[in-house]
């Protein structure tokens, strides 16, 4: 579904959507009010959502949904990027949007869906691995091979034991949701650490294999509780 009060912006997105076989446009909306009706009438998996709209903004619209679909923000304003990612949006596209950038965002949607399909209910046995998309492949990564995950704007870097590093088109919040909390903890707004990989703590710094990770002030108490310090 497209939600944008600008006709030209809607037309551009519709043209891009038609070029990608796995996407099907079910509704194009001029306002959040129309979008509410669309969500009621249709099965919507993904919304291309403008931010600056009259009456109800895109941010307000997304916050109002109990179970929002996947969202890619489309806007002319970069100032809302941090807030958009805090709402766990898949991506944040700045107008004018090129098809190349649009396609990259759709690949992130595929990544998010792939992770969701590999997730299992909490009552079932939790796998000790995850899959990370690298180009056209889904690469299996064992949890115990992960040293830490670092936020990199609209994607994340996954650092493995040794010198290996993977780029994942997922936000840090998604890693926080899918990695087992028994072994992984967000120790800083930009870092998740494998607790079993910690070699030492010095002041506000965690020492890992070939890396030093800062401890955020708001994360220190939880870290020490997890480590029983």
Protein backbone atom coordinates (compact mmCIF):
# COMPACT_ATOMS: atom_id res chain seq x y z
CA UNK A 1 0.00 0.00 0.00
CA UNK A 2 1.13 3.55 -0.79
CA UNK A 3 0.22 6.39 1.57
CA UNK A 4 1.23 9.83 0.29
CA UNK A 5 -0.65 13.09 -0.21
CA UNK A 6 1.41 14.01 -3.32
CA UNK A 7 0.00 12.57 -6.60
CA UNK A 8 3.39 12.60 -8.36
CA UNK A 9 5.02 10.71 -5.47
CA UNK A 10 2.27 8.08 -5.58
CA UNK A 11 2.68 7.70 -9.35
CA UNK A 12 6.45 7.20 -9.06
CA UNK A 13 6.08 4.56 -6.35
CA UNK A 14 3.37 2.79 -8.33
CA UNK A 15 5.65 2.65 -11.37
CA UNK A 16 8.48 1.22 -9.27
CA UNK A 17 6.21 -1.37 -7.67
CA UNK A 18 5.06 -2.57 -11.09
CA UNK A 19 8.70 -3.28 -12.01
CA UNK A 20 9.16 -5.76 -9.14
CA UNK A 21 7.24 -9.05 -9.66
CA UNK A 22 6.97 -9.96 -5.97
CA UNK A 23 5.17 -6.71 -5.15
CA UNK A 24 1.45 -6.16 -5.71
CA UNK A 25 -0.13 -2.77 -5.11
CA UNK A 26 -3.46 -3.25 -3.33
CA UNK A 27 -4.26 0.41 -2.58
CA UNK A 28 -2.88 3.91 -3.16
CA UNK A 29 -3.97 6.39 -0.48
CA UNK A 30 -3.90 10.18 -0.25
CA UNK A 31 -4.14 10.29 3.53
CA UNK A 32 -3.85 8.27 6.72
CA UNK A 33 -7.66 8.15 6.87
CA UNK A 34 -7.78 6.32 3.54
CA UNK A 35 -4.96 4.07 4.77
CA UNK A 36 -6.98 3.00 7.82
CA UNK A 37 -9.78 1.93 5.47
CA UNK A 38 -7.27 0.12 3.26
CA UNK A 39 -5.86 -1.86 6.18
CA UNK A 40 -9.40 -2.86 7.13
CA UNK A 41 -10.36 -3.96 3.61
CA UNK A 42 -7.10 -5.52 2.40
CA UNK A 43 -4.31 -7.83 3.52
CA UNK A 44 -1.36 -5.42 3.60
CA UNK A 45 2.16 -6.69 4.26
CA UNK A 46 4.09 -3.53 3.37
CA UNK A 47 3.34 0.19 3.41
CA UNK A 48 5.28 2.93 1.63
CA UNK A 49 4.45 5.75 4.03
CA UNK A 50 4.98 9.48 3.64
CA UNK A 51 5.62 11.43 6.85
CA UNK A 52 4.50 15.01 6.28
CA UNK A 53 0.79 14.66 5.56
CA UNK A 54 -2.14 16.85 6.64
CA UNK A 55 -4.23 15.98 9.72
CA UNK A 56 -2.40 12.74 10.60
CA UNK A 57 1.32 12.41 9.91
CA UNK A 58 2.97 9.17 8.88
CA UNK A 59 4.64 8.85 12.29
CA UNK A 60 1.31 9.34 14.09
CA UNK A 61 -0.34 6.83 11.77
CA UNK A 62 2.27 4.16 12.45
CA UNK A 63 2.17 4.70 16.22
CA UNK A 64 -1.61 4.31 16.21
CA UNK A 65 -1.48 0.78 14.77
CA UNK A 66 -1.47 -2.10 17.23
CA UNK A 67 0.10 -4.51 14.73
CA UNK A 68 1.55 -2.41 11.94
CA UNK A 69 2.65 -4.02 8.68
CA UNK A 70 6.20 -3.55 7.50
CA UNK A 71 6.82 0.12 6.75
CA UNK A 72 9.21 1.98 4.46
CA UNK A 73 9.09 5.71 5.09
CA UNK A 74 9.20 7.95 2.01
CA UNK A 75 9.84 11.61 2.71
CA UNK A 76 11.66 14.74 1.61
CA UNK A 77 12.93 15.36 5.15
CA UNK A 78 15.99 13.64 6.61
CA UNK A 79 15.29 15.00 10.10
CA UNK A 80 12.87 12.16 10.89
CA UNK A 81 15.28 9.32 10.10
CA UNK A 82 16.23 8.44 13.68
CA UNK A 83 12.60 8.50 14.83
CA UNK A 84 11.63 6.36 11.85
CA UNK A 85 14.17 3.67 12.67
CA UNK A 86 13.17 3.75 16.34
CA UNK A 87 9.69 2.73 15.14
CA UNK A 88 11.38 -0.33 13.58
CA UNK A 89 10.69 0.74 10.01
CA UNK A 90 12.39 -1.35 7.34
CA UNK A 91 13.94 1.64 5.59
CA UNK A 92 13.82 5.41 5.16
CA UNK A 93 13.81 6.73 1.59
CA UNK A 94 14.53 10.37 0.81
CA UNK A 95 12.73 11.98 -2.12
CA UNK A 96 13.41 12.12 -5.00
CA UNK A 97 13.61 8.33 -4.79
CA UNK A 98 15.61 6.49 -7.43
CA UNK A 99 14.60 3.01 -8.53
CA UNK A 100 17.97 1.65 -7.37
CA UNK A 101 17.40 2.94 -3.83
CA UNK A 102 13.80 1.71 -3.92
CA UNK A 103 14.98 -1.76 -4.94
CA UNK A 104 17.50 -1.82 -2.08
CA UNK A 105 14.68 -1.10 0.35
CA UNK A 106 12.61 -3.96 -1.06
CA UNK A 107 15.55 -6.32 -0.54
CA UNK A 108 15.54 -5.30 3.13
CA UNK A 109 11.87 -6.26 3.25
CA UNK A 110 12.80 -9.70 1.88
CA UNK A 111 15.49 -9.95 4.56
CA UNK A 112 12.99 -9.11 7.29
CA UNK A 113 10.50 -11.67 5.99
CA UNK A 114 13.19 -14.36 5.75
CA UNK A 115 14.13 -13.82 9.39
CA UNK A 116 10.48 -13.96 10.43
CA UNK A 117 9.95 -17.26 8.59
CA UNK A 118 12.90 -18.81 10.40
CA UNK A 119 11.65 -17.68 13.82
CA UNK A 120 9.91 -20.23 16.05
CA UNK A 121 7.45 -19.76 18.93
CA UNK A 122 9.00 -19.36 22.38
CA UNK A 123 7.44 -22.65 23.48
CA UNK A 124 9.41 -24.56 20.84
CA UNK A 125 13.11 -25.33 20.79
CA UNK A 126 15.00 -22.17 19.89
CA UNK A 127 17.59 -22.65 17.12
CA UNK A 128 21.18 -21.72 17.95
CA UNK A 129 21.69 -20.01 14.59
CA UNK A 130 20.19 -17.39 12.30
CA UNK A 131 20.27 -16.67 8.58
CA UNK A 132 21.70 -13.43 7.17
CA UNK A 133 21.21 -12.49 3.54
CA UNK A 134 24.43 -11.84 1.65
CA UNK A 135 23.74 -10.81 -1.95
CA UNK A 136 21.49 -13.60 -3.27
CA UNK A 137 22.32 -16.13 -0.55
CA UNK A 138 21.03 -16.76 2.96
CA UNK A 139 24.08 -17.51 5.08
CA UNK A 140 23.69 -19.57 8.25
CA UNK A 141 25.48 -18.03 11.23
CA UNK A 142 25.84 -19.90 14.53
CA UNK A 143 25.06 -17.76 17.57
CA UNK A 144 28.27 -18.70 19.33
CA UNK A 145 30.29 -17.39 16.37
CA UNK A 146 28.91 -13.87 16.82
CA UNK A 147 31.06 -11.52 18.89
CA UNK A 148 28.92 -8.42 18.54
CA UNK A 149 26.52 -6.57 16.25
CA UNK A 150 26.98 -2.88 15.47
CA UNK A 151 24.36 -0.47 14.12
CA UNK A 152 25.41 1.23 10.87
CA UNK A 153 22.64 3.73 10.09
CA UNK A 154 20.12 1.71 8.05
CA UNK A 155 21.90 -1.64 8.32
CA UNK A 156 24.04 -3.58 10.81
CA UNK A 157 27.50 -5.14 10.85
CA UNK A 158 27.80 -8.60 12.38
CA UNK A 159 31.32 -9.34 13.65
CA UNK A 160 32.24 -12.99 13.98
CA UNK A 161 35.09 -14.74 15.74
CA UNK A 162 38.32 -14.23 13.88
CA UNK A 163 38.14 -11.40 11.37
CA UNK A 164 34.90 -12.18 9.54
CA UNK A 165 32.30 -9.46 9.16
CA UNK A 166 28.85 -9.65 7.57
CA UNK A 167 26.64 -6.77 6.48
CA UNK A 168 22.96 -7.26 7.26
CA UNK A 169 20.14 -5.07 5.95
CA UNK A 170 18.43 -5.23 9.34
CA UNK A 171 18.24 -2.70 12.13
CA UNK A 172 19.81 -3.42 15.49
CA UNK A 173 16.35 -3.63 17.06
CA UNK A 174 15.54 -6.67 14.93
CA UNK A 175 18.72 -8.42 16.06
CA UNK A 176 17.76 -7.59 19.63
CA UNK A 177 14.43 -9.35 19.04
CA UNK A 178 15.78 -12.51 17.39
CA UNK A 179 19.01 -13.18 19.32
CA UNK A 180 18.53 -15.16 22.58
CA UNK A 181 18.50 -12.71 25.53
CA UNK A 182 20.23 -15.30 27.70
CA UNK A 183 23.44 -14.83 25.73
CA UNK A 184 23.10 -11.48 23.97
CA UNK A 185 22.53 -8.02 25.40
CA UNK A 186 22.29 -4.51 24.04
CA UNK A 187 25.07 -2.75 25.95
CA UNK A 188 24.93 0.53 24.03
CA UNK A 189 22.45 2.10 21.64
CA UNK A 190 24.73 1.00 18.78
CA UNK A 191 25.96 -2.39 20.04
CA UNK A 192 24.71 -5.86 20.98
CA UNK A 193 27.32 -8.12 22.58
CA UNK A 194 27.63 -11.86 23.03
CA UNK A 195 27.97 -12.12 26.82
CA UNK A 196 29.95 -15.35 26.50
CA UNK A 197 32.55 -13.53 24.40
CA UNK A 198 33.38 -10.88 27.03
CA UNK A 199 37.00 -11.18 28.12
CA UNK A 200 37.15 -8.21 30.49
CA UNK A 201 35.41 -5.00 31.53
CA UNK A 202 37.47 -1.90 32.15
CA UNK A 203 35.58 1.19 33.23
CA UNK A 204 32.88 1.73 30.63
CA UNK A 205 34.49 -0.52 28.04
CA UNK A 206 33.94 -4.19 27.22
CA UNK A 207 36.97 -6.06 25.89
CA UNK A 208 36.28 -8.72 23.27
CA UNK A 209 38.45 -10.57 20.82
CA UNK A 210 40.12 -7.81 18.77
CA UNK A 211 37.49 -5.23 19.80
CA UNK A 212 36.52 -2.80 22.55
CA UNK A 213 32.85 -1.93 22.94
CA UNK A 214 31.50 1.07 24.90
CA UNK A 215 28.92 0.55 27.64
CA UNK A 216 26.00 2.97 27.51
CA UNK A 217 25.07 4.67 30.81
CA UNK A 218 21.51 3.33 30.62
CA UNK A 219 22.72 -0.22 29.87
CA UNK A 220 25.36 -0.62 32.58
CA UNK A 221 23.08 -1.85 35.37
CA UNK A 222 21.42 -4.51 33.21
CA UNK A 223 24.81 -5.70 31.96
CA UNK A 224 26.15 -6.11 35.50
CA UNK A 225 22.96 -7.91 36.57
CA UNK A 226 23.28 -10.32 33.64
CA UNK A 227 26.90 -11.01 34.54
CA UNK A 228 26.00 -11.24 38.25
CA UNK A 229 28.55 -8.55 39.18
